[in-house]
Amino acid sequence: MEPTRLILSISDASSGAHLPARVRSYIEARVQRCAQNRAPLGHGISCFVCTRKDLIAGDVARVLDLPMGVLKHSLHSCFFCYHRRTTALEEEVAFFNGRLGASRTLVELLSLRRQYRPSFAFVLRCLPTLARLHLRTARDNRFPRVA
Protein backbone atom coordinates (compact mmCIF):
# COMPACT_ATOMS: atom_id res chain seq x y z
CA MET A 1 0.00 0.00 0.00
CA GLU A 2 1.35 3.43 -0.88
CA PRO A 3 2.33 5.69 2.08
CA THR A 4 -0.26 8.31 1.14
CA ARG A 5 -2.99 5.67 0.92
CA LEU A 6 -1.89 4.25 4.27
CA ILE A 7 -2.14 7.65 5.92
CA LEU A 8 -5.53 8.26 4.35
CA SER A 9 -6.67 4.75 5.29
CA ILE A 10 -5.72 5.38 8.89
CA SER A 11 -7.52 8.71 8.90
CA ASP A 12 -10.54 7.14 7.18
CA ALA A 13 -10.54 4.44 9.81
CA SER A 14 -10.36 6.99 12.60
CA SER A 15 -13.35 8.81 11.15
CA GLY A 16 -15.22 5.53 10.64
CA ALA A 17 -15.72 5.94 6.92
CA HIS A 18 -17.06 2.81 5.16
CA LEU A 19 -16.77 0.54 8.20
CA PRO A 20 -19.39 -1.40 10.16
CA ALA A 21 -20.04 -0.02 13.66
CA ARG A 22 -18.30 -2.92 15.46
CA VAL A 23 -15.10 -2.64 13.41
CA ARG A 24 -15.23 1.14 13.50
CA SER A 25 -15.27 1.25 17.32
CA TYR A 26 -12.29 -1.16 17.53
CA ILE A 27 -10.25 0.89 15.07
CA GLU A 28 -11.25 4.13 16.73
CA ALA A 29 -10.05 2.74 20.06
CA ARG A 30 -6.68 1.70 18.54
CA VAL A 31 -6.11 5.04 16.82
CA GLN A 32 -7.13 6.94 19.92
CA ARG A 33 -4.73 4.87 22.03
CA CYS A 34 -1.86 5.59 19.64
CA ALA A 35 -2.63 9.30 19.68
CA GLN A 36 -2.77 9.34 23.49
CA ASN A 37 0.67 7.75 23.67
CA ARG A 38 2.10 10.93 22.15
CA ALA A 39 1.83 13.01 25.29
CA PRO A 40 3.35 13.73 27.71
CA LEU A 41 5.98 10.99 27.56
CA GLY A 42 6.52 10.98 23.82
CA HIS A 43 5.68 8.22 21.40
CA GLY A 44 4.92 5.05 23.33
CA ILE A 45 4.93 2.97 20.17
CA SER A 46 6.26 3.46 16.68
CA CYS A 47 3.26 4.60 14.71
CA PHE A 48 2.23 7.36 12.38
CA VAL A 49 -1.25 8.64 13.09
CA CYS A 50 -2.41 11.56 11.04
CA THR A 51 -6.06 12.41 10.75
CA ARG A 52 -7.83 13.57 7.63
CA LYS A 53 -8.44 16.85 9.45
CA ASP A 54 -4.65 17.38 9.81
CA LEU A 55 -4.05 16.66 6.14
CA ILE A 56 -6.89 18.82 4.85
CA ALA A 57 -6.07 21.67 7.24
CA GLY A 58 -2.45 21.51 6.15
CA ASP A 59 -1.26 21.33 9.76
CA VAL A 60 2.38 20.87 8.77
CA ALA A 61 3.66 21.28 12.32
CA ARG A 62 1.57 18.37 13.60
CA VAL A 63 2.36 16.10 10.66
CA LEU A 64 6.09 16.92 10.91
CA ASP A 65 6.11 16.43 14.69
CA LEU A 66 4.68 12.92 14.32
CA PRO A 67 7.34 11.56 11.90
CA MET A 68 10.12 13.22 13.93
CA GLY A 69 8.88 11.61 17.12
CA VAL A 70 8.34 8.22 15.51
CA LEU A 71 11.77 8.29 13.87
CA LYS A 72 13.48 9.24 17.15
CA HIS A 73 11.63 6.50 19.03
CA SER A 74 12.51 3.95 16.36
CA LEU A 75 16.18 4.95 16.44
CA HIS A 76 16.25 4.54 20.24
CA SER A 77 14.48 1.17 20.10
CA CYS A 78 16.56 -0.26 17.25
CA PHE A 79 19.84 0.96 18.78
CA PHE A 80 18.84 -0.75 22.02
CA CYS A 81 18.31 -4.03 20.11
CA TYR A 82 21.93 -3.92 18.95
CA HIS A 83 23.66 -2.64 22.10
CA ARG A 84 21.19 -3.22 24.97
CA ARG A 85 21.78 0.33 26.16
CA THR A 86 20.66 3.83 25.29
CA THR A 87 22.76 6.76 24.18
CA ALA A 88 22.48 10.23 22.65
CA LEU A 89 20.54 10.58 19.41
CA GLU A 90 23.67 11.84 17.61
CA GLU A 91 25.51 8.58 18.41
CA GLU A 92 22.52 6.52 17.29
CA VAL A 93 22.36 8.39 13.98
CA ALA A 94 26.11 7.86 13.46
CA PHE A 95 25.73 4.14 14.20
CA PHE A 96 22.86 3.66 11.74
CA ASN A 97 24.46 5.84 9.07
CA GLY A 98 27.39 3.43 9.23
CA ARG A 99 25.16 0.34 9.27
CA LEU A 100 22.55 1.37 6.68
CA GLY A 101 24.66 3.74 4.64
CA ALA A 102 24.46 7.52 4.78
CA SER A 103 20.86 8.54 5.32
CA ARG A 104 19.79 12.05 4.39
CA THR A 105 16.69 11.59 6.56
CA LEU A 106 18.67 10.81 9.72
CA VAL A 107 21.01 13.73 9.15
CA GLU A 108 18.03 16.02 8.57
CA LEU A 109 16.43 14.76 11.79
CA LEU A 110 19.40 16.11 13.75
CA SER A 111 19.25 19.37 11.81
CA LEU A 112 15.52 19.78 12.48
CA ARG A 113 16.08 19.16 16.17
CA ARG A 114 18.54 22.05 16.28
CA GLN A 115 16.50 24.42 14.12
CA TYR A 116 12.90 23.44 13.48
CA ARG A 117 11.41 24.20 10.09
CA PRO A 118 8.55 22.58 8.18
CA SER A 119 9.74 20.04 5.61
CA PHE A 120 7.23 17.95 3.72
CA ALA A 121 10.09 16.16 1.93
CA PHE A 122 11.37 15.00 5.33
CA VAL A 123 7.95 13.56 6.16
CA LEU A 124 7.92 11.60 2.90
CA ARG A 125 11.46 10.30 3.42
CA CYS A 126 10.63 9.12 6.96
CA LEU A 127 8.42 6.25 5.83
CA PRO A 128 11.01 4.27 3.82
CA THR A 129 13.71 5.12 6.39
CA LEU A 130 11.55 3.68 9.17
CA ALA A 131 10.94 0.52 7.16
CA ARG A 132 14.67 0.05 6.39
CA LEU A 133 15.61 0.71 10.00
CA HIS A 134 13.21 -1.85 11.45
CA LEU A 135 13.77 -4.50 8.77
CA ARG A 136 17.55 -4.31 9.12
CA THR A 137 17.32 -4.46 12.92
CA ALA A 138 15.03 -7.49 12.76
CA ARG A 139 17.35 -9.20 10.29
CA ASP A 140 20.53 -8.50 12.27
CA ASN A 141 19.24 -9.42 15.72
CA ARG A 142 17.80 -12.67 17.00
CA PHE A 143 14.64 -12.31 19.05
CA PRO A 144 13.95 -12.99 21.83
CA ARG A 145 17.37 -12.34 23.20
CA VAL A 146 18.65 -14.42 26.09
CA ALA A 147 19.35 -12.27 29.13
C-alpha atoms as a PDB file:
ATOM      1  CA  MET A   1       0.000   0.000   0.000  1.00  0.00           C
ATOM      2  CA  GLU A   2       1.352   3.431  -0.883  1.00  0.00           C
ATOM      3  CA  PRO A   3       2.328   5.685   2.083  1.00  0.00           C
ATOM      4  CA  THR A   4      -0.258   8.310   1.137  1.00  0.00           C
ATOM      5  CA  ARG A   5      -2.990   5.674   0.915  1.00  0.00           C
ATOM      6  CA  LEU A   6      -1.890   4.247   4.271  1.00  0.00           C
ATOM      7  CA  ILE A   7      -2.142   7.651   5.916  1.00  0.00           C
ATOM      8  CA  LEU A   8      -5.531   8.257   4.345  1.00  0.00           C
ATOM      9  CA  SER A   9      -6.668   4.749   5.293  1.00  0.00           C
ATOM     10  CA  ILE A  10      -5.716   5.378   8.892  1.00  0.00           C
ATOM     11  CA  SER A  11      -7.515   8.706   8.900  1.00  0.00           C
ATOM     12  CA  ASP A  12     -10.538   7.142   7.182  1.00  0.00           C
ATOM     13  CA  ALA A  13     -10.540   4.436   9.810  1.00  0.00           C
ATOM     14  CA  SER A  14     -10.361   6.985  12.599  1.00  0.00           C
ATOM     15  CA  SER A  15     -13.348   8.811  11.146  1.00  0.00           C
ATOM     16  CA  GLY A  16     -15.219   5.527  10.636  1.00  0.00           C
ATOM     17  CA  ALA A  17     -15.721   5.935   6.918  1.00  0.00           C
ATOM     18  CA  HIS A  18     -17.055   2.810   5.160  1.00  0.00           C
ATOM     19  CA  LEU A  19     -16.775   0.544   8.202  1.00  0.00           C
ATOM     20  CA  PRO A  20     -19.389  -1.396  10.160  1.00  0.00           C
ATOM     21  CA  ALA A  21     -20.038  -0.016  13.662  1.00  0.00           C
ATOM     22  CA  ARG A  22     -18.299  -2.921  15.460  1.00  0.00           C
ATOM     23  CA  VAL A  23     -15.101  -2.644  13.414  1.00  0.00           C
ATOM     24  CA  ARG A  24     -15.227   1.144  13.503  1.00  0.00           C
ATOM     25  CA  SER A  25     -15.269   1.251  17.315  1.00  0.00           C
ATOM     26  CA  TYR A  26     -12.292  -1.160  17.527  1.00  0.00           C
ATOM     27  CA  ILE A  27     -10.248   0.885  15.067  1.00  0.00           C
ATOM     28  CA  GLU A  28     -11.248   4.134  16.732  1.00  0.00           C
ATOM     29  CA  ALA A  29     -10.050   2.743  20.061  1.00  0.00           C
ATOM     30  CA  ARG A  30      -6.682   1.696  18.545  1.00  0.00           C
ATOM     31  CA  VAL A  31      -6.110   5.040  16.819  1.00  0.00           C
ATOM     32  CA  GLN A  32      -7.133   6.940  19.925  1.00  0.00           C
ATOM     33  CA  ARG A  33      -4.728   4.873  22.029  1.00  0.00           C
ATOM     34  CA  CYS A  34      -1.863   5.594  19.636  1.00  0.00           C
ATOM     35  CA  ALA A  35      -2.629   9.303  19.680  1.00  0.00           C
ATOM     36  CA  GLN A  36      -2.768   9.335  23.486  1.00  0.00           C
ATOM     37  CA  ASN A  37       0.674   7.745  23.668  1.00  0.00           C
ATOM     38  CA  ARG A  38       2.105  10.928  22.153  1.00  0.00           C
ATOM     39  CA  ALA A  39       1.832  13.012  25.291  1.00  0.00           C
ATOM     40  CA  PRO A  40       3.353  13.734  27.714  1.00  0.00           C
ATOM     41  CA  LEU A  41       5.985  10.994  27.563  1.00  0.00           C
ATOM     42  CA  GLY A  42       6.519  10.980  23.817  1.00  0.00           C
ATOM     43  CA  HIS A  43       5.680   8.217  21.402  1.00  0.00           C
ATOM     44  CA  GLY A  44       4.923   5.049  23.334  1.00  0.00           C
ATOM     45  CA  ILE A  45       4.927   2.974  20.168  1.00  0.00           C
ATOM     46  CA  SER A  46       6.257   3.460  16.678  1.00  0.00           C
ATOM     47  CA  CYS A  47       3.261   4.599  14.706  1.00  0.00           C
ATOM     48  CA  PHE A  48       2.229   7.360  12.381  1.00  0.00           C
ATOM     49  CA  VAL A  49      -1.246   8.643  13.094  1.00  0.00           C
ATOM     50  CA  CYS A  50      -2.410  11.556  11.042  1.00  0.00           C
ATOM     51  CA  THR A  51      -6.064  12.406  10.751  1.00  0.00           C
ATOM     52  CA  ARG A  52      -7.835  13.571   7.633  1.00  0.00           C
ATOM     53  CA  LYS A  53      -8.437  16.855   9.447  1.00  0.00           C
ATOM     54  CA  ASP A  54      -4.646  17.376   9.811  1.00  0.00           C
ATOM     55  CA  LEU A  55      -4.048  16.662   6.137  1.00  0.00           C
ATOM     56  CA  ILE A  56      -6.889  18.824   4.847  1.00  0.00           C
ATOM     57  CA  ALA A  57      -6.073  21.671   7.240  1.00  0.00           C
ATOM     58  CA  GLY A  58      -2.445  21.506   6.150  1.00  0.00           C
ATOM     59  CA  ASP A  59      -1.256  21.332   9.760  1.00  0.00           C
ATOM     60  CA  VAL A  60       2.379  20.875   8.766  1.00  0.00           C
ATOM     61  CA  ALA A  61       3.662  21.283  12.318  1.00  0.00           C
ATOM     62  CA  ARG A  62       1.571  18.373  13.601  1.00  0.00           C
ATOM     63  CA  VAL A  63       2.359  16.101  10.655  1.00  0.00           C
ATOM     64  CA  LEU A  64       6.089  16.921  10.911  1.00  0.00           C
ATOM     65  CA  ASP A  65       6.112  16.433  14.688  1.00  0.00           C
ATOM     66  CA  LEU A  66       4.676  12.924  14.324  1.00  0.00           C
ATOM     67  CA  PRO A  67       7.341  11.558  11.902  1.00  0.00           C
ATOM     68  CA  MET A  68      10.122  13.217  13.926  1.00  0.00           C
ATOM     69  CA  GLY A  69       8.877  11.605  17.125  1.00  0.00           C
ATOM     70  CA  VAL A  70       8.342   8.224  15.510  1.00  0.00           C
ATOM     71  CA  LEU A  71      11.771   8.289  13.874  1.00  0.00           C
ATOM     72  CA  LYS A  72      13.481   9.238  17.149  1.00  0.00           C
ATOM     73  CA  HIS A  73      11.627   6.502  19.032  1.00  0.00           C
ATOM     74  CA  SER A  74      12.511   3.949  16.364  1.00  0.00           C
ATOM     75  CA  LEU A  75      16.180   4.945  16.443  1.00  0.00           C
ATOM     76  CA  HIS A  76      16.253   4.537  20.241  1.00  0.00           C
ATOM     77  CA  SER A  77      14.478   1.167  20.096  1.00  0.00           C
ATOM     78  CA  CYS A  78      16.559  -0.255  17.249  1.00  0.00           C
ATOM     79  CA  PHE A  79      19.838   0.957  18.779  1.00  0.00           C
ATOM     80  CA  PHE A  80      18.837  -0.753  22.022  1.00  0.00           C
ATOM     81  CA  CYS A  81      18.311  -4.026  20.114  1.00  0.00           C
ATOM     82  CA  TYR A  82      21.931  -3.915  18.946  1.00  0.00           C
ATOM     83  CA  HIS A  83      23.655  -2.640  22.099  1.00  0.00           C
ATOM     84  CA  ARG A  84      21.192  -3.219  24.971  1.00  0.00           C
ATOM     85  CA  ARG A  85      21.784   0.329  26.162  1.00  0.00           C
ATOM     86  CA  THR A  86      20.664   3.826  25.293  1.00  0.00           C
ATOM     87  CA  THR A  87      22.761   6.764  24.178  1.00  0.00           C
ATOM     88  CA  ALA A  88      22.481  10.227  22.652  1.00  0.00           C
ATOM     89  CA  LEU A  89      20.542  10.582  19.408  1.00  0.00           C
ATOM     90  CA  GLU A  90      23.669  11.838  17.612  1.00  0.00           C
ATOM     91  CA  GLU A  91      25.508   8.583  18.414  1.00  0.00           C
ATOM     92  CA  GLU A  92      22.522   6.517  17.287  1.00  0.00           C
ATOM     93  CA  VAL A  93      22.364   8.391  13.978  1.00  0.00           C
ATOM     94  CA  ALA A  94      26.110   7.864  13.462  1.00  0.00           C
ATOM     95  CA  PHE A  95      25.730   4.139  14.195  1.00  0.00           C
ATOM     96  CA  PHE A  96      22.864   3.655  11.736  1.00  0.00           C
ATOM     97  CA  ASN A  97      24.464   5.840   9.067  1.00  0.00           C
ATOM     98  CA  GLY A  98      27.391   3.428   9.228  1.00  0.00           C
ATOM     99  CA  ARG A  99      25.163   0.344   9.273  1.00  0.00           C
ATOM    100  CA  LEU A 100      22.549   1.366   6.679  1.00  0.00           C
ATOM    101  CA  GLY A 101      24.656   3.738   4.635  1.00  0.00           C
ATOM    102  CA  ALA A 102      24.461   7.516   4.781  1.00  0.00           C
ATOM    103  CA  SER A 103      20.857   8.540   5.317  1.00  0.00           C
ATOM    104  CA  ARG A 104      19.788  12.050   4.394  1.00  0.00           C
ATOM    105  CA  THR A 105      16.689  11.586   6.562  1.00  0.00           C
ATOM    106  CA  LEU A 106      18.669  10.806   9.723  1.00  0.00           C
ATOM    107  CA  VAL A 107      21.012  13.733   9.152  1.00  0.00           C
ATOM    108  CA  GLU A 108      18.034  16.017   8.570  1.00  0.00           C
ATOM    109  CA  LEU A 109      16.433  14.755  11.792  1.00  0.00           C
ATOM    110  CA  LEU A 110      19.398  16.113  13.752  1.00  0.00           C
ATOM    111  CA  SER A 111      19.254  19.368  11.809  1.00  0.00           C
ATOM    112  CA  LEU A 112      15.517  19.776  12.477  1.00  0.00           C
ATOM    113  CA  ARG A 113      16.079  19.156  16.169  1.00  0.00           C
ATOM    114  CA  ARG A 114      18.539  22.051  16.279  1.00  0.00           C
ATOM    115  CA  GLN A 115      16.503  24.423  14.121  1.00  0.00           C
ATOM    116  CA  TYR A 116      12.903  23.442  13.482  1.00  0.00           C
ATOM    117  CA  ARG A 117      11.405  24.196  10.085  1.00  0.00           C
ATOM    118  CA  PRO A 118       8.553  22.576   8.176  1.00  0.00           C
ATOM    119  CA  SER A 119       9.739  20.035   5.612  1.00  0.00           C
ATOM    120  CA  PHE A 120       7.228  17.945   3.717  1.00  0.00           C
ATOM    121  CA  ALA A 121      10.095  16.164   1.933  1.00  0.00           C
ATOM    122  CA  PHE A 122      11.373  15.003   5.331  1.00  0.00           C
ATOM    123  CA  VAL A 123       7.953  13.562   6.158  1.00  0.00           C
ATOM    124  CA  LEU A 124       7.915  11.595   2.905  1.00  0.00           C
ATOM    125  CA  ARG A 125      11.460  10.298   3.420  1.00  0.00           C
ATOM    126  CA  CYS A 126      10.630   9.124   6.963  1.00  0.00           C
ATOM    127  CA  LEU A 127       8.423   6.249   5.830  1.00  0.00           C
ATOM    128  CA  PRO A 128      11.011   4.274   3.824  1.00  0.00           C
ATOM    129  CA  THR A 129      13.707   5.116   6.385  1.00  0.00           C
ATOM    130  CA  LEU A 130      11.552   3.679   9.173  1.00  0.00           C
ATOM    131  CA  ALA A 131      10.943   0.521   7.158  1.00  0.00           C
ATOM    132  CA  ARG A 132      14.666   0.045   6.388  1.00  0.00           C
ATOM    133  CA  LEU A 133      15.614   0.710  10.004  1.00  0.00           C
ATOM    134  CA  HIS A 134      13.208  -1.847  11.448  1.00  0.00           C
ATOM    135  CA  LEU A 135      13.773  -4.496   8.766  1.00  0.00           C
ATOM    136  CA  ARG A 136      17.551  -4.307   9.125  1.00  0.00           C
ATOM    137  CA  THR A 137      17.318  -4.462  12.919  1.00  0.00           C
ATOM    138  CA  ALA A 138      15.030  -7.491  12.764  1.00  0.00           C
ATOM    139  CA  ARG A 139      17.352  -9.205  10.286  1.00  0.00           C
ATOM    140  CA  ASP A 140      20.532  -8.495  12.267  1.00  0.00           C
ATOM    141  CA  ASN A 141      19.244  -9.422  15.719  1.00  0.00           C
ATOM    142  CA  ARG A 142      17.796 -12.670  17.000  1.00  0.00           C
ATOM    143  CA  PHE A 143      14.637 -12.307  19.050  1.00  0.00           C
ATOM    144  CA  PRO A 144      13.947 -12.985  21.825  1.00  0.00           C
ATOM    145  CA  ARG A 145      17.372 -12.336  23.199  1.00  0.00           C
ATOM    146  CA  VAL A 146      18.649 -14.418  26.087  1.00  0.00           C
ATOM    147  CA  ALA A 147      19.349 -12.272  29.130  1.00  0.00           C
END
